[in-house]
Amino acid sequence: LEAPGAVLCPLFVGSSTGSRDTRLLLRSLVRMLLEAISPEAARGNDAVPDALGLLKEKTVELIDQLVTAGTPPIILLDAISEVHDLYVPPVLDWLPGLLVNAVTVMTLIHRTEVEAIVRYAPIVMSIELSPLKG
């Protein structure tokens, strides 16, 4: 995926320990966004908050900074429906409001998951793929 001038933030839910936890997923996203803005600032111990509410605020703040600077983030959330944790219901209610100014690409497995996401944010494009056969 190439997008000159954009910041790519790939997040693969379920690929590492804790990646299914909303708070830890947002911590990873905030760290990526901070790294794009200021690698030095991203290295600080206090650069990324721990509390979910603060992470939500920081995500919005950093996305706005990147958009203003002309480097919009492209956030890839692979297998977002695999998120499960203590911050329910519903697990994904944090997503659309935080990513409103970012290009967000999500992969979902079931049509009902897509329908659940649409309740929170409009989908500009939806592509349905058939299962791979091998």
N, C-alpha and C. Protein backbone atom coordinates (compact mmCIF):
# COMPACT_ATOMS: atom_id res chain seq x y z
N LEU A 1 0.85 -1.18 0.00
CA LEU A 1 0.00 0.00 0.00
C LEU A 1 0.89 1.24 0.00
N GLU A 2 0.75 2.06 -1.02
CA GLU A 2 1.54 3.28 -1.11
C GLU A 2 0.62 4.49 -1.08
N ALA A 3 0.98 5.45 -0.29
CA ALA A 3 0.25 6.71 -0.22
C ALA A 3 1.25 7.79 0.15
N PRO A 4 1.89 8.40 -0.85
CA PRO A 4 2.91 9.41 -0.56
C PRO A 4 2.37 10.50 0.38
N GLY A 5 3.13 10.79 1.40
CA GLY A 5 2.74 11.83 2.35
C GLY A 5 1.84 11.35 3.46
N ALA A 6 1.38 10.12 3.39
CA ALA A 6 0.49 9.59 4.43
C ALA A 6 1.29 8.76 5.42
N VAL A 7 0.70 8.56 6.59
CA VAL A 7 1.30 7.74 7.64
C VAL A 7 0.51 6.44 7.72
N LEU A 8 1.18 5.33 7.49
CA LEU A 8 0.53 4.03 7.54
C LEU A 8 0.68 3.43 8.93
N CYS A 9 -0.44 3.04 9.54
CA CYS A 9 -0.45 2.44 10.88
C CYS A 9 -1.13 1.07 10.79
N PRO A 10 -0.37 0.00 10.58
CA PRO A 10 -0.97 -1.33 10.50
C PRO A 10 -1.13 -1.95 11.89
N LEU A 11 -2.32 -2.41 12.18
CA LEU A 11 -2.61 -3.08 13.46
C LEU A 11 -3.26 -4.42 13.15
N PHE A 12 -2.65 -5.48 13.62
CA PHE A 12 -3.14 -6.82 13.33
C PHE A 12 -3.65 -7.45 14.62
N VAL A 13 -4.95 -7.45 14.78
CA VAL A 13 -5.57 -7.96 16.00
C VAL A 13 -5.39 -9.48 16.06
N GLY A 14 -4.92 -9.94 17.20
CA GLY A 14 -4.73 -11.36 17.42
C GLY A 14 -3.35 -11.87 17.05
N SER A 15 -2.51 -11.00 16.50
CA SER A 15 -1.19 -11.45 16.06
C SER A 15 -0.14 -11.44 17.17
N SER A 16 -0.44 -10.77 18.28
CA SER A 16 0.51 -10.74 19.39
C SER A 16 -0.25 -10.75 20.71
N THR A 17 0.46 -11.03 21.77
CA THR A 17 -0.14 -11.06 23.09
C THR A 17 -0.75 -9.70 23.41
N GLY A 18 -1.98 -9.69 23.79
CA GLY A 18 -2.65 -8.45 24.18
C GLY A 18 -3.25 -7.66 23.04
N SER A 19 -3.04 -8.07 21.79
CA SER A 19 -3.54 -7.27 20.68
C SER A 19 -5.06 -7.33 20.55
N ARG A 20 -5.70 -8.21 21.29
CA ARG A 20 -7.17 -8.27 21.28
C ARG A 20 -7.78 -7.37 22.35
N ASP A 21 -6.95 -6.72 23.12
CA ASP A 21 -7.40 -5.83 24.19
C ASP A 21 -7.48 -4.41 23.64
N THR A 22 -8.64 -3.78 23.76
CA THR A 22 -8.85 -2.44 23.21
C THR A 22 -7.80 -1.45 23.71
N ARG A 23 -7.53 -1.46 25.00
CA ARG A 23 -6.58 -0.50 25.56
C ARG A 23 -5.19 -0.69 24.97
N LEU A 24 -4.75 -1.93 24.88
CA LEU A 24 -3.41 -2.20 24.34
C LEU A 24 -3.35 -1.92 22.84
N LEU A 25 -4.45 -2.18 22.14
CA LEU A 25 -4.51 -1.87 20.71
C LEU A 25 -4.39 -0.37 20.49
N LEU A 26 -5.12 0.41 21.29
CA LEU A 26 -5.03 1.87 21.18
C LEU A 26 -3.65 2.38 21.59
N ARG A 27 -3.03 1.75 22.57
CA ARG A 27 -1.65 2.14 22.95
C ARG A 27 -0.71 1.96 21.75
N SER A 28 -0.86 0.86 21.05
CA SER A 28 -0.03 0.62 19.87
C SER A 28 -0.28 1.68 18.80
N LEU A 29 -1.55 2.01 18.58
CA LEU A 29 -1.89 3.03 17.59
C LEU A 29 -1.32 4.38 17.98
N VAL A 30 -1.48 4.77 19.25
CA VAL A 30 -0.95 6.05 19.72
C VAL A 30 0.57 6.09 19.55
N ARG A 31 1.24 5.01 19.87
CA ARG A 31 2.70 4.97 19.71
C ARG A 31 3.10 5.16 18.25
N MET A 32 2.37 4.52 17.32
CA MET A 32 2.66 4.68 15.89
C MET A 32 2.44 6.12 15.44
N LEU A 33 1.34 6.71 15.89
CA LEU A 33 1.03 8.09 15.51
C LEU A 33 2.07 9.05 16.07
N LEU A 34 2.45 8.83 17.33
CA LEU A 34 3.50 9.66 17.95
C LEU A 34 4.83 9.54 17.21
N GLU A 35 5.17 8.33 16.84
CA GLU A 35 6.41 8.08 16.11
C GLU A 35 6.42 8.86 14.79
N ALA A 36 5.28 8.94 14.14
CA ALA A 36 5.17 9.68 12.88
C ALA A 36 5.34 11.18 13.09
N ILE A 37 4.89 11.68 14.23
CA ILE A 37 4.97 13.11 14.52
C ILE A 37 6.34 13.48 15.06
N SER A 38 6.83 12.69 16.03
CA SER A 38 8.11 12.99 16.66
C SER A 38 8.71 11.72 17.24
N PRO A 39 9.66 11.11 16.52
CA PRO A 39 10.27 9.88 17.04
C PRO A 39 10.88 10.06 18.43
N GLU A 40 11.42 11.24 18.71
CA GLU A 40 12.01 11.49 20.03
C GLU A 40 10.95 11.46 21.13
N ALA A 41 9.83 12.11 20.86
CA ALA A 41 8.74 12.16 21.85
C ALA A 41 8.15 10.77 22.10
N ALA A 42 8.10 9.95 21.06
CA ALA A 42 7.53 8.61 21.19
C ALA A 42 8.34 7.71 22.10
N ARG A 43 9.62 8.03 22.27
CA ARG A 43 10.48 7.19 23.11
C ARG A 43 10.31 7.47 24.60
N GLY A 44 9.71 8.57 24.96
CA GLY A 44 9.54 8.91 26.37
C GLY A 44 8.60 7.96 27.08
N ASN A 45 8.89 7.69 28.34
CA ASN A 45 8.06 6.77 29.12
C ASN A 45 6.64 7.27 29.32
N ASP A 46 6.46 8.59 29.38
CA ASP A 46 5.14 9.16 29.62
C ASP A 46 4.43 9.56 28.34
N ALA A 47 4.98 9.22 27.20
CA ALA A 47 4.42 9.65 25.92
C ALA A 47 3.06 9.02 25.64
N VAL A 48 2.88 7.79 26.07
CA VAL A 48 1.64 7.07 25.79
C VAL A 48 0.92 6.79 27.10
N PRO A 49 -0.31 7.33 27.25
CA PRO A 49 -1.05 7.10 28.50
C PRO A 49 -1.50 5.65 28.64
N ASP A 50 -1.89 5.28 29.85
CA ASP A 50 -2.37 3.92 30.13
C ASP A 50 -3.89 3.82 30.13
N ALA A 51 -4.55 4.86 30.61
CA ALA A 51 -6.01 4.81 30.77
C ALA A 51 -6.71 4.87 29.42
N LEU A 52 -7.77 4.08 29.26
CA LEU A 52 -8.50 4.01 28.00
C LEU A 52 -9.03 5.38 27.58
N GLY A 53 -9.61 6.12 28.52
CA GLY A 53 -10.14 7.45 28.18
C GLY A 53 -9.08 8.38 27.65
N LEU A 54 -7.91 8.37 28.28
CA LEU A 54 -6.80 9.21 27.83
C LEU A 54 -6.27 8.76 26.48
N LEU A 55 -6.27 7.46 26.24
CA LEU A 55 -5.83 6.94 24.94
C LEU A 55 -6.77 7.40 23.83
N LYS A 56 -8.07 7.38 24.11
CA LYS A 56 -9.05 7.86 23.12
C LYS A 56 -8.79 9.33 22.79
N GLU A 57 -8.59 10.15 23.82
CA GLU A 57 -8.33 11.57 23.61
C GLU A 57 -7.04 11.78 22.83
N LYS A 58 -6.00 11.05 23.19
CA LYS A 58 -4.69 11.19 22.54
C LYS A 58 -4.77 10.78 21.07
N THR A 59 -5.53 9.73 20.79
CA THR A 59 -5.68 9.27 19.40
C THR A 59 -6.29 10.37 18.54
N VAL A 60 -7.36 10.98 19.01
CA VAL A 60 -8.01 12.06 18.27
C VAL A 60 -7.04 13.23 18.07
N GLU A 61 -6.34 13.60 19.13
CA GLU A 61 -5.38 14.70 19.09
C GLU A 61 -4.28 14.46 18.06
N LEU A 62 -3.71 13.27 18.06
CA LEU A 62 -2.61 12.95 17.15
C LEU A 62 -3.07 12.86 15.70
N ILE A 63 -4.23 12.26 15.47
CA ILE A 63 -4.77 12.19 14.11
C ILE A 63 -5.00 13.60 13.59
N ASP A 64 -5.57 14.48 14.40
CA ASP A 64 -5.79 15.87 13.98
C ASP A 64 -4.47 16.56 13.65
N GLN A 65 -3.44 16.32 14.46
CA GLN A 65 -2.12 16.91 14.19
C GLN A 65 -1.58 16.45 12.84
N LEU A 66 -1.69 15.17 12.56
CA LEU A 66 -1.19 14.64 11.30
C LEU A 66 -1.96 15.18 10.11
N VAL A 67 -3.27 15.26 10.23
CA VAL A 67 -4.10 15.80 9.14
C VAL A 67 -3.74 17.25 8.89
N THR A 68 -3.61 18.04 9.95
CA THR A 68 -3.24 19.45 9.83
C THR A 68 -1.87 19.61 9.17
N ALA A 69 -0.96 18.70 9.45
CA ALA A 69 0.39 18.75 8.88
C ALA A 69 0.44 18.23 7.44
N GLY A 70 -0.68 17.75 6.93
CA GLY A 70 -0.72 17.25 5.56
C GLY A 70 -0.23 15.82 5.41
N THR A 71 -0.18 15.10 6.51
CA THR A 71 0.22 13.69 6.49
C THR A 71 -0.87 12.83 7.12
N PRO A 72 -2.00 12.68 6.42
CA PRO A 72 -3.12 11.95 7.01
C PRO A 72 -2.78 10.50 7.30
N PRO A 73 -3.25 9.98 8.43
CA PRO A 73 -2.98 8.58 8.74
C PRO A 73 -3.90 7.63 7.97
N ILE A 74 -3.33 6.53 7.56
CA ILE A 74 -4.11 5.42 7.01
C ILE A 74 -3.98 4.31 8.04
N ILE A 75 -5.09 3.96 8.65
CA ILE A 75 -5.07 2.98 9.74
C ILE A 75 -5.66 1.67 9.23
N LEU A 76 -4.85 0.65 9.25
CA LEU A 76 -5.27 -0.68 8.82
C LEU A 76 -5.55 -1.50 10.07
N LEU A 77 -6.80 -1.90 10.22
CA LEU A 77 -7.20 -2.73 11.37
C LEU A 77 -7.61 -4.09 10.83
N ASP A 78 -6.68 -5.01 10.86
CA ASP A 78 -6.94 -6.34 10.36
C ASP A 78 -7.57 -7.19 11.45
N ALA A 79 -8.67 -7.83 11.12
CA ALA A 79 -9.40 -8.71 12.05
C ALA A 79 -9.91 -7.94 13.27
N ILE A 80 -10.42 -6.74 13.04
CA ILE A 80 -10.90 -5.90 14.14
C ILE A 80 -12.00 -6.58 14.95
N SER A 81 -12.72 -7.47 14.32
CA SER A 81 -13.78 -8.18 15.05
C SER A 81 -13.24 -9.15 16.08
N GLU A 82 -11.92 -9.36 16.10
CA GLU A 82 -11.30 -10.24 17.09
C GLU A 82 -11.04 -9.53 18.42
N VAL A 83 -11.29 -8.22 18.47
CA VAL A 83 -11.10 -7.48 19.72
C VAL A 83 -12.11 -7.98 20.75
N HIS A 84 -11.61 -8.31 21.92
CA HIS A 84 -12.51 -8.69 23.02
C HIS A 84 -11.82 -8.32 24.33
N ASP A 85 -12.55 -7.68 25.18
CA ASP A 85 -11.95 -7.29 26.45
C ASP A 85 -12.99 -6.79 27.43
N LEU A 86 -12.54 -6.08 28.41
CA LEU A 86 -13.42 -5.62 29.48
C LEU A 86 -14.19 -4.35 29.14
N TYR A 87 -13.87 -3.73 28.01
CA TYR A 87 -14.46 -2.44 27.68
C TYR A 87 -15.71 -2.56 26.82
N VAL A 88 -16.55 -3.50 27.12
CA VAL A 88 -17.77 -3.72 26.38
C VAL A 88 -18.93 -3.25 27.24
N PRO A 89 -20.12 -3.09 26.79
CA PRO A 89 -20.57 -3.18 25.42
C PRO A 89 -20.55 -1.82 24.74
N PRO A 90 -20.67 -1.74 23.48
CA PRO A 90 -20.09 -2.70 22.55
C PRO A 90 -18.60 -2.42 22.41
N VAL A 91 -17.88 -3.41 22.09
CA VAL A 91 -16.43 -3.30 22.03
C VAL A 91 -15.97 -2.24 21.05
N LEU A 92 -16.65 -2.11 19.95
CA LEU A 92 -16.17 -1.22 18.89
C LEU A 92 -16.75 0.19 18.93
N ASP A 93 -17.43 0.57 20.00
CA ASP A 93 -18.04 1.90 20.02
C ASP A 93 -17.01 3.03 20.02
N TRP A 94 -15.78 2.75 20.38
CA TRP A 94 -14.72 3.75 20.39
C TRP A 94 -14.18 4.05 19.00
N LEU A 95 -14.35 3.14 18.08
CA LEU A 95 -13.65 3.21 16.82
C LEU A 95 -14.03 4.37 15.89
N PRO A 96 -15.25 4.50 15.47
CA PRO A 96 -15.54 5.52 14.46
C PRO A 96 -15.27 6.95 14.90
N GLY A 97 -15.63 7.28 16.12
CA GLY A 97 -15.39 8.65 16.59
C GLY A 97 -13.92 9.01 16.64
N LEU A 98 -13.09 8.03 16.95
CA LEU A 98 -11.66 8.30 17.03
C LEU A 98 -11.02 8.42 15.66
N LEU A 99 -11.53 7.70 14.72
CA LEU A 99 -10.87 7.62 13.43
C LEU A 99 -11.58 8.42 12.34
N VAL A 100 -12.39 9.36 12.74
CA VAL A 100 -13.20 10.11 11.77
C VAL A 100 -12.34 10.89 10.77
N ASN A 101 -11.18 11.36 11.15
CA ASN A 101 -10.34 12.13 10.23
C ASN A 101 -9.24 11.29 9.59
N ALA A 102 -9.26 10.01 9.81
CA ALA A 102 -8.25 9.12 9.23
C ALA A 102 -8.91 8.23 8.19
N VAL A 103 -8.12 7.81 7.22
CA VAL A 103 -8.59 6.78 6.31
C VAL A 103 -8.43 5.47 7.06
N THR A 104 -9.51 4.75 7.21
CA THR A 104 -9.47 3.53 8.01
C THR A 104 -9.88 2.35 7.14
N VAL A 105 -9.05 1.33 7.13
CA VAL A 105 -9.35 0.11 6.40
C VAL A 105 -9.48 -0.99 7.43
N MET A 106 -10.63 -1.68 7.40
CA MET A 106 -10.86 -2.77 8.35
C MET A 106 -11.15 -4.05 7.61
N THR A 107 -10.69 -5.14 8.15
CA THR A 107 -11.08 -6.43 7.61
C THR A 107 -11.98 -7.11 8.64
N LEU A 108 -13.07 -7.63 8.15
CA LEU A 108 -14.05 -8.31 8.99
C LEU A 108 -14.39 -9.64 8.33
N ILE A 109 -14.86 -10.58 9.12
CA ILE A 109 -15.11 -11.91 8.58
C ILE A 109 -16.57 -12.09 8.18
N HIS A 110 -17.50 -11.61 8.99
CA HIS A 110 -18.91 -11.87 8.76
C HIS A 110 -19.68 -10.61 8.41
N ARG A 111 -20.71 -10.77 7.59
CA ARG A 111 -21.55 -9.64 7.19
C ARG A 111 -22.16 -8.93 8.41
N THR A 112 -22.51 -9.68 9.46
CA THR A 112 -23.10 -9.06 10.65
C THR A 112 -22.11 -8.10 11.32
N GLU A 113 -20.81 -8.40 11.22
CA GLU A 113 -19.80 -7.50 11.78
C GLU A 113 -19.79 -6.18 11.01
N VAL A 114 -19.89 -6.27 9.68
CA VAL A 114 -19.94 -5.06 8.86
C VAL A 114 -21.17 -4.24 9.24
N GLU A 115 -22.31 -4.90 9.40
CA GLU A 115 -23.54 -4.21 9.77
C GLU A 115 -23.40 -3.52 11.12
N ALA A 116 -22.70 -4.15 12.05
CA ALA A 116 -22.48 -3.54 13.37
C ALA A 116 -21.61 -2.29 13.25
N ILE A 117 -20.59 -2.32 12.41
CA ILE A 117 -19.72 -1.16 12.23
C ILE A 117 -20.49 -0.01 11.58
N VAL A 118 -21.35 -0.32 10.60
CA VAL A 118 -22.10 0.70 9.88
C VAL A 118 -22.98 1.50 10.84
N ARG A 119 -23.42 0.90 11.92
CA ARG A 119 -24.24 1.63 12.89
C ARG A 119 -23.47 2.80 13.49
N TYR A 120 -22.15 2.68 13.59
CA TYR A 120 -21.34 3.71 14.21
C TYR A 120 -20.73 4.70 13.23
N ALA A 121 -20.52 4.29 12.01
CA ALA A 121 -19.88 5.17 11.03
C ALA A 121 -20.25 4.73 9.63
N PRO A 122 -20.40 5.69 8.74
CA PRO A 122 -20.72 5.32 7.37
C PRO A 122 -19.51 4.65 6.71
N ILE A 123 -19.79 3.67 5.90
CA ILE A 123 -18.74 3.02 5.14
C ILE A 123 -18.79 3.58 3.72
N VAL A 124 -17.68 4.12 3.29
CA VAL A 124 -17.63 4.69 1.96
C VAL A 124 -17.54 3.58 0.93
N MET A 125 -16.80 2.55 1.25
CA MET A 125 -16.67 1.43 0.33
C MET A 125 -16.60 0.13 1.11
N SER A 126 -17.32 -0.84 0.65
CA SER A 126 -17.28 -2.16 1.26
C SER A 126 -17.04 -3.17 0.15
N ILE A 127 -16.06 -4.02 0.33
CA ILE A 127 -15.73 -5.04 -0.66
C ILE A 127 -15.89 -6.39 0.00
N GLU A 128 -16.70 -7.23 -0.60
CA GLU A 128 -16.91 -8.56 -0.07
C GLU A 128 -16.09 -9.56 -0.88
N LEU A 129 -15.28 -10.34 -0.18
CA LEU A 129 -14.45 -11.33 -0.84
C LEU A 129 -14.94 -12.73 -0.52
N SER A 130 -14.83 -13.61 -1.48
CA SER A 130 -15.18 -15.00 -1.25
C SER A 130 -14.05 -15.67 -0.49
N PRO A 131 -14.37 -16.73 0.26
CA PRO A 131 -13.31 -17.45 0.97
C PRO A 131 -12.29 -18.03 -0.02
N LEU A 132 -11.04 -18.08 0.42
CA LEU A 132 -9.99 -18.67 -0.40
C LEU A 132 -10.17 -20.18 -0.44
N LYS A 133 -9.94 -20.74 -1.61
CA LYS A 133 -10.03 -22.20 -1.76
C LYS A 133 -8.67 -22.71 -2.20
N GLY A 134 -8.21 -23.73 -1.52
CA GLY A 134 -6.89 -24.18 -1.88
C GLY A 134 -6.73 -25.61 -1.99
